[in-house]
């Protein structure tokens, strides 16, 4: 519905638009916005009590005009920061290809200090020891990789199985105990009449 109304109202709004715009632009003094009620009351009061202040504000102050003519503003463009020249000893990288991911998530060191090993070597001697523990013993691994025997011991901690039943949706003991009691049965209508 709003679209239909805007389609109807648009030609009326745009009628004689250019001449109305020229009329507003050609005005010497633009019309001021209406004042607030309290501001209008203050303005009227000042005009009644001190009309000379308003008259003085309309006159041109010669001394102020002389001061304004003496003011001269000089401006300079800010000094643009010089672009740093690239260091020829440290050129930017020219290879912009994507870096390939490492096999174990981190880059492997090229030099391995004594007493240390890489993840690849550790996995290799663990699998070798699992396949043939006699051939690849702890002493042989320690000699090959120059690692102390105490650090080569491979232990896996397997936690004990829980024997307690898990509590899923609520407490194991119910909060309300339900007991079965026999219900009282009503006597049939015939027996009631006989009793009376």
N, C-alpha and C. Protein backbone atom coordinates (compact mmCIF):
# COMPACT_ATOMS: atom_id res chain seq x y z
N UNK A 1 0.82 -1.19 0.00
CA UNK A 1 0.00 0.00 0.00
C UNK A 1 0.87 1.25 0.00
N UNK A 2 1.96 1.21 0.76
CA UNK A 2 2.84 2.38 0.83
C UNK A 2 3.50 2.68 -0.50
N UNK A 3 3.80 1.63 -1.25
CA UNK A 3 4.43 1.84 -2.56
C UNK A 3 3.47 2.54 -3.51
N UNK A 4 2.19 2.17 -3.45
CA UNK A 4 1.18 2.77 -4.32
C UNK A 4 1.02 4.25 -3.97
N UNK A 5 0.98 4.56 -2.66
CA UNK A 5 0.83 5.95 -2.24
C UNK A 5 2.04 6.79 -2.65
N UNK A 6 3.23 6.20 -2.55
CA UNK A 6 4.42 6.96 -2.96
C UNK A 6 4.44 7.19 -4.47
N UNK A 7 3.93 6.22 -5.23
CA UNK A 7 3.86 6.40 -6.69
C UNK A 7 2.87 7.51 -7.05
N UNK A 8 1.78 7.63 -6.29
CA UNK A 8 0.80 8.68 -6.55
C UNK A 8 1.34 10.04 -6.13
N UNK A 9 2.01 10.09 -4.99
CA UNK A 9 2.47 11.37 -4.44
C UNK A 9 3.72 11.92 -5.09
N UNK A 10 4.52 11.09 -5.74
CA UNK A 10 5.78 11.55 -6.32
C UNK A 10 5.60 12.63 -7.37
N UNK A 11 4.69 12.52 -8.33
CA UNK A 11 4.53 13.60 -9.32
C UNK A 11 4.12 14.92 -8.69
N UNK A 12 3.32 14.87 -7.62
CA UNK A 12 2.92 16.11 -6.95
C UNK A 12 4.11 16.78 -6.26
N UNK A 13 4.99 15.97 -5.67
CA UNK A 13 6.18 16.54 -5.02
C UNK A 13 7.14 17.12 -6.04
N UNK A 14 7.28 16.48 -7.18
CA UNK A 14 8.24 16.92 -8.18
C UNK A 14 7.70 18.00 -9.12
N UNK A 15 6.45 18.39 -8.95
CA UNK A 15 5.85 19.41 -9.81
C UNK A 15 6.54 20.75 -9.56
N UNK A 16 7.03 21.39 -10.62
CA UNK A 16 7.65 22.71 -10.56
C UNK A 16 8.82 22.74 -9.56
N UNK A 17 9.55 21.66 -9.47
CA UNK A 17 10.61 21.53 -8.48
C UNK A 17 11.76 22.48 -8.75
N UNK A 18 12.15 22.61 -10.00
CA UNK A 18 13.31 23.43 -10.34
C UNK A 18 13.07 24.91 -10.04
N UNK A 19 11.89 25.41 -10.38
CA UNK A 19 11.61 26.83 -10.12
C UNK A 19 11.51 27.09 -8.62
N UNK A 20 10.96 26.14 -7.87
CA UNK A 20 10.91 26.32 -6.41
C UNK A 20 12.30 26.33 -5.82
N UNK A 21 13.20 25.49 -6.34
CA UNK A 21 14.58 25.46 -5.85
C UNK A 21 15.28 26.77 -6.15
N UNK A 22 15.10 27.32 -7.36
CA UNK A 22 15.72 28.60 -7.71
C UNK A 22 15.20 29.73 -6.83
N UNK A 23 13.93 29.68 -6.48
CA UNK A 23 13.35 30.72 -5.63
C UNK A 23 14.00 30.70 -4.25
N UNK A 24 14.23 29.51 -3.70
CA UNK A 24 14.85 29.40 -2.37
C UNK A 24 16.30 29.84 -2.43
N UNK A 25 17.02 29.47 -3.49
CA UNK A 25 18.44 29.82 -3.60
C UNK A 25 18.62 31.31 -3.82
N UNK A 26 17.71 31.95 -4.54
CA UNK A 26 17.88 33.37 -4.87
C UNK A 26 17.55 34.30 -3.71
N UNK A 27 17.04 33.81 -2.61
CA UNK A 27 16.74 34.66 -1.46
C UNK A 27 18.03 35.24 -0.92
N UNK A 28 18.01 36.53 -0.52
CA UNK A 28 19.20 37.17 0.04
C UNK A 28 19.49 36.64 1.43
N UNK A 29 18.49 36.61 2.26
CA UNK A 29 18.68 36.17 3.64
C UNK A 29 17.80 34.94 3.86
N UNK A 30 18.38 33.84 4.26
CA UNK A 30 17.56 32.65 4.46
C UNK A 30 16.64 32.83 5.67
N UNK A 31 15.49 32.21 5.61
CA UNK A 31 14.56 32.31 6.73
C UNK A 31 15.08 31.43 7.87
N UNK A 32 15.07 32.02 9.07
CA UNK A 32 15.58 31.29 10.23
C UNK A 32 14.56 30.27 10.69
N UNK A 33 15.06 29.26 11.32
CA UNK A 33 14.18 28.24 11.87
C UNK A 33 13.39 28.85 13.03
N UNK A 34 12.19 28.38 13.27
CA UNK A 34 11.41 28.96 14.38
C UNK A 34 12.09 28.70 15.71
N UNK A 35 12.02 29.72 16.58
CA UNK A 35 12.69 29.62 17.88
C UNK A 35 11.82 28.82 18.84
N UNK A 36 12.48 28.27 19.82
CA UNK A 36 11.76 27.58 20.88
C UNK A 36 11.02 28.62 21.71
N UNK A 37 9.94 28.19 22.35
CA UNK A 37 9.09 29.14 23.08
C UNK A 37 9.87 29.89 24.15
N UNK A 38 10.71 29.19 24.92
CA UNK A 38 11.47 29.86 25.99
C UNK A 38 12.52 30.81 25.40
N UNK A 39 13.14 30.44 24.28
CA UNK A 39 14.12 31.33 23.64
C UNK A 39 13.44 32.58 23.09
N UNK A 40 12.24 32.42 22.55
CA UNK A 40 11.51 33.57 22.02
C UNK A 40 11.13 34.53 23.14
N UNK A 41 10.76 34.01 24.30
CA UNK A 41 10.41 34.85 25.46
C UNK A 41 11.64 35.63 25.91
N UNK A 42 12.81 34.97 25.99
CA UNK A 42 14.05 35.65 26.39
C UNK A 42 14.42 36.74 25.39
N UNK A 43 14.27 36.43 24.11
CA UNK A 43 14.61 37.39 23.05
C UNK A 43 13.72 38.63 23.15
N UNK A 44 12.43 38.43 23.35
CA UNK A 44 11.49 39.57 23.47
C UNK A 44 11.80 40.41 24.71
N UNK A 45 12.17 39.75 25.81
CA UNK A 45 12.49 40.48 27.04
C UNK A 45 13.73 41.35 26.85
N UNK A 46 14.76 40.81 26.20
CA UNK A 46 15.99 41.59 25.97
C UNK A 46 15.71 42.76 25.03
N UNK A 47 14.88 42.54 24.02
CA UNK A 47 14.55 43.62 23.09
C UNK A 47 13.81 44.76 23.79
N UNK A 48 13.00 44.45 24.80
CA UNK A 48 12.28 45.49 25.54
C UNK A 48 13.19 46.22 26.52
N UNK A 49 14.01 45.44 27.25
CA UNK A 49 14.84 46.03 28.30
C UNK A 49 16.07 46.74 27.74
N UNK A 50 16.75 46.14 26.75
CA UNK A 50 18.00 46.70 26.22
C UNK A 50 17.95 46.73 24.69
N UNK A 51 17.22 47.64 24.10
CA UNK A 51 17.18 47.68 22.63
C UNK A 51 18.48 48.20 22.03
N UNK A 52 19.30 48.92 22.83
CA UNK A 52 20.56 49.46 22.31
C UNK A 52 21.57 48.35 22.01
N UNK A 53 21.48 47.24 22.73
CA UNK A 53 22.40 46.11 22.48
C UNK A 53 22.14 45.54 21.09
N UNK A 54 20.89 45.42 20.73
CA UNK A 54 20.55 44.91 19.40
C UNK A 54 20.99 45.88 18.32
N UNK A 55 20.79 47.18 18.54
CA UNK A 55 21.21 48.19 17.57
C UNK A 55 22.72 48.19 17.40
N UNK A 56 23.43 48.00 18.51
CA UNK A 56 24.89 48.00 18.46
C UNK A 56 25.41 46.78 17.71
N UNK A 57 24.71 45.65 17.83
CA UNK A 57 25.15 44.44 17.14
C UNK A 57 24.97 44.56 15.62
N UNK A 58 24.07 45.43 15.18
CA UNK A 58 23.87 45.61 13.74
C UNK A 58 24.92 46.53 13.12
N UNK A 59 25.56 47.41 13.93
CA UNK A 59 26.56 48.34 13.40
C UNK A 59 27.89 47.64 13.20
N UNK A 60 28.65 48.15 12.26
CA UNK A 60 29.97 47.60 11.97
C UNK A 60 30.99 48.23 12.92
N UNK A 61 31.77 47.39 13.61
CA UNK A 61 32.79 47.87 14.54
C UNK A 61 34.07 48.12 13.74
N UNK A 62 34.50 49.39 13.69
CA UNK A 62 35.67 49.75 12.88
C UNK A 62 36.96 49.19 13.46
N UNK A 63 37.09 49.27 14.77
CA UNK A 63 38.31 48.78 15.40
C UNK A 63 38.48 47.28 15.16
N UNK A 64 37.40 46.53 15.29
CA UNK A 64 37.45 45.09 15.05
C UNK A 64 37.77 44.80 13.58
N UNK A 65 37.25 45.62 12.69
CA UNK A 65 37.53 45.45 11.26
C UNK A 65 39.01 45.67 10.96
N UNK A 66 39.64 46.66 11.64
CA UNK A 66 41.08 46.92 11.46
C UNK A 66 41.89 45.74 11.96
N UNK A 67 41.50 45.20 13.12
CA UNK A 67 42.21 44.04 13.66
C UNK A 67 42.12 42.85 12.71
N UNK A 68 40.96 42.65 12.13
CA UNK A 68 40.79 41.51 11.22
C UNK A 68 41.59 41.68 9.94
N UNK A 69 41.77 42.94 9.50
CA UNK A 69 42.57 43.17 8.29
C UNK A 69 44.05 42.93 8.55
N UNK A 70 44.50 43.16 9.79
CA UNK A 70 45.91 42.96 10.13
C UNK A 70 46.27 41.48 10.28
N UNK A 71 45.29 40.65 10.49
CA UNK A 71 45.57 39.23 10.68
C UNK A 71 45.92 38.62 9.33
N UNK A 72 47.05 37.91 9.31
CA UNK A 72 47.48 37.25 8.09
C UNK A 72 47.93 35.84 8.46
N UNK A 73 47.33 34.88 7.86
CA UNK A 73 47.61 33.48 8.19
C UNK A 73 48.53 32.90 7.13
N UNK A 74 49.61 32.31 7.59
CA UNK A 74 50.52 31.61 6.68
C UNK A 74 50.43 30.12 7.00
N UNK A 75 50.29 29.34 5.97
CA UNK A 75 50.23 27.90 6.19
C UNK A 75 51.27 27.22 5.31
N UNK A 76 51.79 26.16 5.83
CA UNK A 76 52.79 25.38 5.11
C UNK A 76 52.32 23.93 5.05
N UNK A 77 52.64 23.29 3.95
CA UNK A 77 52.31 21.88 3.84
C UNK A 77 53.17 21.09 4.80
N UNK A 78 52.61 20.08 5.43
CA UNK A 78 53.44 19.27 6.34
C UNK A 78 54.50 18.51 5.56
N UNK A 79 55.62 18.32 6.21
CA UNK A 79 56.72 17.61 5.56
C UNK A 79 56.32 16.14 5.45
N UNK A 80 56.31 15.66 4.23
CA UNK A 80 55.92 14.26 4.03
C UNK A 80 57.07 13.36 4.45
N UNK A 81 56.75 12.30 5.19
CA UNK A 81 57.83 11.40 5.62
C UNK A 81 58.44 10.69 4.42
N UNK A 82 59.75 10.62 4.43
CA UNK A 82 60.44 9.97 3.32
C UNK A 82 60.28 8.47 3.42
N UNK A 83 60.05 7.86 2.29
CA UNK A 83 59.92 6.41 2.27
C UNK A 83 61.30 5.80 2.47
N UNK A 84 61.35 4.82 3.35
CA UNK A 84 62.63 4.18 3.62
C UNK A 84 63.05 3.34 2.41
N UNK A 85 64.30 3.45 2.09
CA UNK A 85 64.84 2.69 0.96
C UNK A 85 65.05 1.24 1.40
N UNK A 86 64.71 0.29 0.55
CA UNK A 86 64.91 -1.11 0.94
C UNK A 86 66.40 -1.43 1.10
N UNK A 87 66.68 -2.20 2.11
CA UNK A 87 68.05 -2.60 2.40
C UNK A 87 68.46 -3.69 1.40
N UNK A 88 69.52 -3.46 0.61
CA UNK A 88 69.90 -4.49 -0.37
C UNK A 88 70.43 -5.76 0.30
N UNK A 89 70.89 -5.64 1.55
CA UNK A 89 71.39 -6.83 2.24
C UNK A 89 70.24 -7.70 2.74
N UNK A 90 69.05 -7.10 2.91
CA UNK A 90 67.89 -7.86 3.39
C UNK A 90 66.74 -7.70 2.40
N UNK A 91 66.81 -8.33 1.25
CA UNK A 91 65.73 -8.16 0.26
C UNK A 91 64.45 -8.88 0.71
N UNK A 92 63.34 -8.39 0.20
CA UNK A 92 62.07 -9.03 0.49
C UNK A 92 61.99 -10.36 -0.25
N UNK A 93 61.23 -11.31 0.28
CA UNK A 93 61.16 -12.62 -0.39
C UNK A 93 60.44 -12.50 -1.73
N UNK A 94 60.98 -13.20 -2.72
CA UNK A 94 60.40 -13.18 -4.05
C UNK A 94 59.48 -14.38 -4.27
N UNK A 95 59.68 -15.44 -3.48
CA UNK A 95 58.85 -16.62 -3.61
C UNK A 95 57.58 -16.41 -2.78
N UNK A 96 56.45 -16.30 -3.46
CA UNK A 96 55.19 -16.05 -2.77
C UNK A 96 54.28 -17.28 -2.80
N UNK A 97 54.85 -18.43 -3.01
CA UNK A 97 54.05 -19.65 -3.04
C UNK A 97 53.67 -20.05 -1.62
N UNK A 98 52.63 -20.86 -1.51
CA UNK A 98 52.14 -21.28 -0.20
C UNK A 98 53.13 -22.24 0.44
N UNK A 99 53.35 -22.05 1.72
CA UNK A 99 54.29 -22.89 2.46
C UNK A 99 53.62 -24.24 2.71
N UNK A 100 54.33 -25.31 2.42
CA UNK A 100 53.77 -26.64 2.63
C UNK A 100 53.77 -26.96 4.12
N UNK A 101 52.75 -27.71 4.54
CA UNK A 101 52.66 -28.11 5.94
C UNK A 101 53.72 -29.17 6.23
N UNK A 102 54.22 -29.15 7.46
CA UNK A 102 55.20 -30.13 7.87
C UNK A 102 54.48 -31.43 8.23
N UNK A 103 55.21 -32.52 8.18
CA UNK A 103 54.59 -33.82 8.38
C UNK A 103 54.02 -33.97 9.79
N UNK A 104 54.73 -33.51 10.79
CA UNK A 104 54.27 -33.64 12.17
C UNK A 104 53.79 -32.31 12.75
N UNK A 105 53.51 -31.34 11.91
CA UNK A 105 52.96 -30.08 12.37
C UNK A 105 54.00 -29.04 12.72
N UNK A 106 55.25 -29.43 12.90
CA UNK A 106 56.32 -28.48 13.21
C UNK A 106 57.52 -28.79 12.33
N UNK A 107 58.37 -27.80 12.16
CA UNK A 107 59.56 -28.01 11.34
C UNK A 107 60.58 -28.81 12.14
N UNK A 108 61.13 -29.80 11.48
CA UNK A 108 62.13 -30.62 12.16
C UNK A 108 63.48 -29.93 12.13
N UNK A 109 64.21 -29.99 13.22
CA UNK A 109 65.52 -29.32 13.25
C UNK A 109 66.52 -30.02 12.34
N UNK A 110 67.44 -29.22 11.79
CA UNK A 110 68.47 -29.80 10.94
C UNK A 110 69.60 -30.41 11.77
N UNK A 111 69.92 -29.77 12.89
CA UNK A 111 70.95 -30.30 13.79
C UNK A 111 70.27 -30.73 15.09
N UNK A 112 70.56 -31.94 15.52
CA UNK A 112 69.97 -32.46 16.75
C UNK A 112 71.07 -32.54 17.80
N UNK A 113 70.93 -31.83 18.93
CA UNK A 113 71.96 -31.91 19.96
C UNK A 113 71.97 -33.29 20.62
N UNK A 114 73.11 -33.64 21.20
CA UNK A 114 73.22 -34.96 21.83
C UNK A 114 72.31 -35.00 23.06
N UNK A 115 71.70 -36.15 23.28
CA UNK A 115 70.76 -36.30 24.39
C UNK A 115 69.33 -35.95 24.00
N UNK A 116 69.12 -35.54 22.75
CA UNK A 116 67.79 -35.18 22.26
C UNK A 116 67.49 -36.00 21.02
N UNK A 117 66.22 -36.03 20.63
CA UNK A 117 65.83 -36.71 19.40
C UNK A 117 64.63 -36.01 18.80
N UNK A 118 64.36 -36.30 17.55
CA UNK A 118 63.21 -35.69 16.89
C UNK A 118 62.00 -36.61 17.02
N UNK A 119 60.85 -36.08 16.70
CA UNK A 119 59.63 -36.88 16.78
C UNK A 119 59.66 -38.02 15.76
N UNK A 120 60.21 -37.74 14.59
CA UNK A 120 60.31 -38.77 13.56
C UNK A 120 61.21 -39.93 14.03
N UNK A 121 62.37 -39.58 14.61
CA UNK A 121 63.28 -40.63 15.10
C UNK A 121 62.66 -41.41 16.26
N UNK A 122 61.94 -40.70 17.15
CA UNK A 122 61.33 -41.38 18.29
C UNK A 122 60.27 -42.37 17.81
N UNK A 123 59.44 -41.96 16.86
CA UNK A 123 58.44 -42.89 16.33
C UNK A 123 59.10 -44.07 15.62
N UNK A 124 60.20 -43.79 14.95
CA UNK A 124 60.90 -44.86 14.22
C UNK A 124 61.46 -45.91 15.18
N UNK A 125 62.17 -45.46 16.23
CA UNK A 125 62.75 -46.49 17.10
C UNK A 125 61.70 -47.14 18.01
N UNK A 126 60.55 -46.49 18.23
CA UNK A 126 59.48 -47.16 18.98
C UNK A 126 58.87 -48.28 18.13
N UNK A 127 58.62 -48.00 16.84
CA UNK A 127 58.07 -49.05 15.98
C UNK A 127 59.08 -50.17 15.75
N UNK A 128 60.37 -49.82 15.63
CA UNK A 128 61.39 -50.86 15.47
C UNK A 128 61.44 -51.76 16.70
N UNK A 129 61.35 -51.16 17.87
CA UNK A 129 61.40 -51.94 19.11
C UNK A 129 60.16 -52.81 19.26
N UNK A 130 59.00 -52.31 18.81
CA UNK A 130 57.78 -53.12 18.91
C UNK A 130 57.81 -54.30 17.94
N UNK A 131 58.41 -54.10 16.76
CA UNK A 131 58.46 -55.20 15.79
C UNK A 131 59.50 -56.25 16.18
N UNK A 132 60.67 -55.80 16.64
CA UNK A 132 61.73 -56.75 17.01
C UNK A 132 62.46 -56.23 18.25
N UNK A 133 61.97 -56.55 19.45
CA UNK A 133 62.60 -55.99 20.66
C UNK A 133 64.01 -56.54 20.92
N UNK A 134 64.33 -57.72 20.44
CA UNK A 134 65.68 -58.26 20.69
C UNK A 134 66.72 -57.54 19.84
N UNK A 135 66.39 -57.30 18.57
CA UNK A 135 67.33 -56.62 17.68
C UNK A 135 67.46 -55.14 18.04
N UNK A 136 66.35 -54.49 18.34
CA UNK A 136 66.34 -53.06 18.68
C UNK A 136 66.08 -52.92 20.17
N UNK A 137 67.08 -53.19 20.95
CA UNK A 137 66.93 -53.10 22.41
C UNK A 137 67.14 -51.66 22.85
N UNK A 138 66.88 -51.43 24.13
CA UNK A 138 67.02 -50.08 24.69
C UNK A 138 68.48 -49.63 24.62
N UNK A 139 69.43 -50.53 24.88
CA UNK A 139 70.85 -50.17 24.84
C UNK A 139 71.28 -49.79 23.43
N UNK A 140 70.80 -50.54 22.43
CA UNK A 140 71.17 -50.24 21.05
C UNK A 140 70.60 -48.89 20.61
N UNK A 141 69.36 -48.61 21.00
CA UNK A 141 68.74 -47.32 20.66
C UNK A 141 69.50 -46.19 21.34
N UNK A 142 69.90 -46.40 22.60
CA UNK A 142 70.64 -45.36 23.33
C UNK A 142 71.99 -45.09 22.66
N UNK A 143 72.66 -46.12 22.17
CA UNK A 143 73.95 -45.93 21.50
C UNK A 143 73.77 -45.25 20.14
N UNK A 144 72.76 -45.66 19.38
CA UNK A 144 72.56 -45.10 18.05
C UNK A 144 72.21 -43.61 18.09
N UNK A 145 71.39 -43.21 19.05
CA UNK A 145 70.90 -41.84 19.09
C UNK A 145 71.56 -40.98 20.17
N UNK A 146 72.54 -41.55 20.87
CA UNK A 146 73.27 -40.88 21.96
C UNK A 146 72.30 -40.23 22.96
N UNK A 147 71.42 -41.09 23.46
CA UNK A 147 70.43 -40.66 24.46
C UNK A 147 70.62 -41.54 25.69
N UNK A 148 70.51 -40.98 26.89
CA UNK A 148 70.62 -41.83 28.09
C UNK A 148 69.49 -42.87 28.14
N UNK A 149 69.82 -44.04 28.69
CA UNK A 149 68.85 -45.14 28.71
C UNK A 149 67.62 -44.81 29.56
N UNK A 150 67.78 -43.97 30.57
CA UNK A 150 66.65 -43.66 31.45
C UNK A 150 65.53 -42.94 30.70
N UNK A 151 65.90 -42.14 29.70
CA UNK A 151 64.87 -41.38 28.98
C UNK A 151 64.24 -42.18 27.85
N UNK A 152 64.84 -43.32 27.49
CA UNK A 152 64.31 -44.10 26.36
C UNK A 152 63.17 -45.01 26.80
N UNK A 153 63.02 -45.26 28.06
CA UNK A 153 61.97 -46.17 28.52
C UNK A 153 60.61 -45.63 28.09
N UNK A 154 59.87 -46.49 27.41
CA UNK A 154 58.57 -46.10 26.86
C UNK A 154 57.49 -46.69 27.74
N UNK A 155 56.76 -45.82 28.41
CA UNK A 155 55.71 -46.29 29.31
C UNK A 155 54.37 -45.69 28.86
N UNK A 156 53.37 -46.50 28.95
CA UNK A 156 52.02 -46.03 28.66
C UNK A 156 51.21 -46.23 29.93
N UNK A 157 50.57 -45.19 30.38
CA UNK A 157 49.73 -45.28 31.57
C UNK A 157 48.30 -45.56 31.13
N UNK A 158 47.80 -46.71 31.54
CA UNK A 158 46.42 -47.08 31.24
C UNK A 158 45.65 -46.98 32.55
N UNK A 159 44.71 -46.08 32.65
CA UNK A 159 43.97 -45.93 33.91
C UNK A 159 43.08 -47.14 34.17
N UNK A 160 42.81 -47.38 35.46
CA UNK A 160 41.96 -48.51 35.83
C UNK A 160 40.53 -48.25 35.36
N UNK A 161 39.84 -49.34 35.09
CA UNK A 161 38.45 -49.23 34.66
C UNK A 161 37.58 -48.88 35.87
N UNK A 162 36.64 -48.00 35.67
CA UNK A 162 35.72 -47.63 36.75
C UNK A 162 34.71 -48.75 36.94
N UNK A 163 34.53 -49.11 38.18
CA UNK A 163 33.56 -50.16 38.48
C UNK A 163 32.27 -49.59 39.03
N UNK A 164 32.22 -48.28 39.19
CA UNK A 164 31.02 -47.63 39.71
C UNK A 164 30.11 -47.30 38.52
N UNK A 165 28.83 -47.57 38.69
CA UNK A 165 27.90 -47.25 37.62
C UNK A 165 27.75 -45.74 37.51
N UNK A 166 27.64 -45.30 36.31
CA UNK A 166 27.51 -43.86 36.07
C UNK A 166 26.07 -43.42 36.34
N UNK A 167 25.95 -42.21 36.85
CA UNK A 167 24.64 -41.63 37.08
C UNK A 167 24.31 -40.77 35.87
N UNK A 168 23.26 -41.13 35.19
CA UNK A 168 22.98 -40.43 33.95
C UNK A 168 22.07 -39.23 34.16
N UNK A 169 20.78 -39.43 34.27
CA UNK A 169 19.85 -38.30 34.23
C UNK A 169 19.51 -37.75 35.59
N UNK A 170 19.75 -38.47 36.63
CA UNK A 170 19.36 -37.95 37.93
C UNK A 170 20.04 -38.69 39.06
N UNK A 171 19.61 -38.41 40.27
CA UNK A 171 20.23 -39.07 41.41
C UNK A 171 19.88 -40.56 41.44
N UNK A 172 20.75 -41.34 42.07
CA UNK A 172 20.52 -42.78 42.13
C UNK A 172 19.41 -43.12 43.11
N UNK A 173 19.23 -42.31 44.14
CA UNK A 173 18.16 -42.54 45.10
C UNK A 173 17.02 -41.58 44.75
N UNK A 174 15.81 -42.06 44.53
CA UNK A 174 14.72 -41.15 44.19
C UNK A 174 14.35 -40.27 45.38
N UNK A 175 13.97 -39.06 45.10
CA UNK A 175 13.61 -38.12 46.16
C UNK A 175 12.23 -38.46 46.75
N UNK A 176 11.33 -38.91 45.93
CA UNK A 176 9.98 -39.24 46.38
C UNK A 176 9.83 -40.76 46.31
N UNK A 177 9.43 -41.32 47.40
CA UNK A 177 9.23 -42.78 47.42
C UNK A 177 7.75 -43.06 47.16
N UNK A 178 7.51 -43.95 46.26
CA UNK A 178 6.14 -44.31 45.90
C UNK A 178 5.82 -45.64 46.58
N UNK A 179 4.77 -45.62 47.37
CA UNK A 179 4.34 -46.86 48.05
C UNK A 179 2.95 -47.22 47.53
N UNK A 180 2.68 -48.49 47.49
CA UNK A 180 1.38 -48.96 47.03
C UNK A 180 0.52 -49.26 48.27
N UNK A 181 -0.63 -48.65 48.28
CA UNK A 181 -1.59 -48.90 49.35
C UNK A 181 -2.88 -49.37 48.69
N UNK A 182 -3.56 -50.27 49.33
CA UNK A 182 -4.84 -50.70 48.75
C UNK A 182 -5.85 -49.56 48.80
N UNK A 183 -6.61 -49.43 47.76
CA UNK A 183 -7.62 -48.38 47.70
C UNK A 183 -8.90 -48.87 48.38
N UNK A 184 -9.56 -47.92 48.94
CA UNK A 184 -10.86 -48.25 49.54
C UNK A 184 -11.88 -48.33 48.42
N UNK A 185 -12.63 -49.36 48.43
CA UNK A 185 -13.63 -49.54 47.39
C UNK A 185 -14.99 -49.10 47.91
N UNK A 186 -15.73 -48.48 47.06
CA UNK A 186 -17.08 -48.05 47.41
C UNK A 186 -18.02 -49.24 47.29
N UNK A 187 -18.93 -49.28 48.17
CA UNK A 187 -19.92 -50.36 48.13
C UNK A 187 -20.93 -50.06 47.04
N UNK A 188 -21.47 -51.08 46.48
CA UNK A 188 -22.46 -50.87 45.43
C UNK A 188 -23.73 -50.29 46.05
N UNK A 189 -24.57 -49.69 45.26
CA UNK A 189 -25.77 -49.00 45.74
C UNK A 189 -26.78 -49.94 46.39
N UNK A 190 -26.85 -51.20 45.99
CA UNK A 190 -27.82 -52.15 46.55
C UNK A 190 -27.50 -52.47 47.99
N UNK A 191 -26.24 -52.62 48.28
CA UNK A 191 -25.86 -52.96 49.64
C UNK A 191 -26.15 -51.80 50.58
N UNK A 192 -25.97 -50.55 50.08
CA UNK A 192 -26.23 -49.38 50.92
C UNK A 192 -27.71 -49.32 51.32
N UNK A 193 -28.61 -49.66 50.39
CA UNK A 193 -30.05 -49.59 50.67
C UNK A 193 -30.47 -50.67 51.66
N UNK A 194 -29.81 -51.81 51.55
CA UNK A 194 -30.15 -52.91 52.46
C UNK A 194 -29.74 -52.59 53.89
N UNK A 195 -28.61 -51.88 54.02
CA UNK A 195 -28.11 -51.56 55.35
C UNK A 195 -29.02 -50.58 56.08
N UNK A 196 -29.67 -49.72 55.36
CA UNK A 196 -30.48 -48.69 56.03
C UNK A 196 -31.83 -49.14 56.44
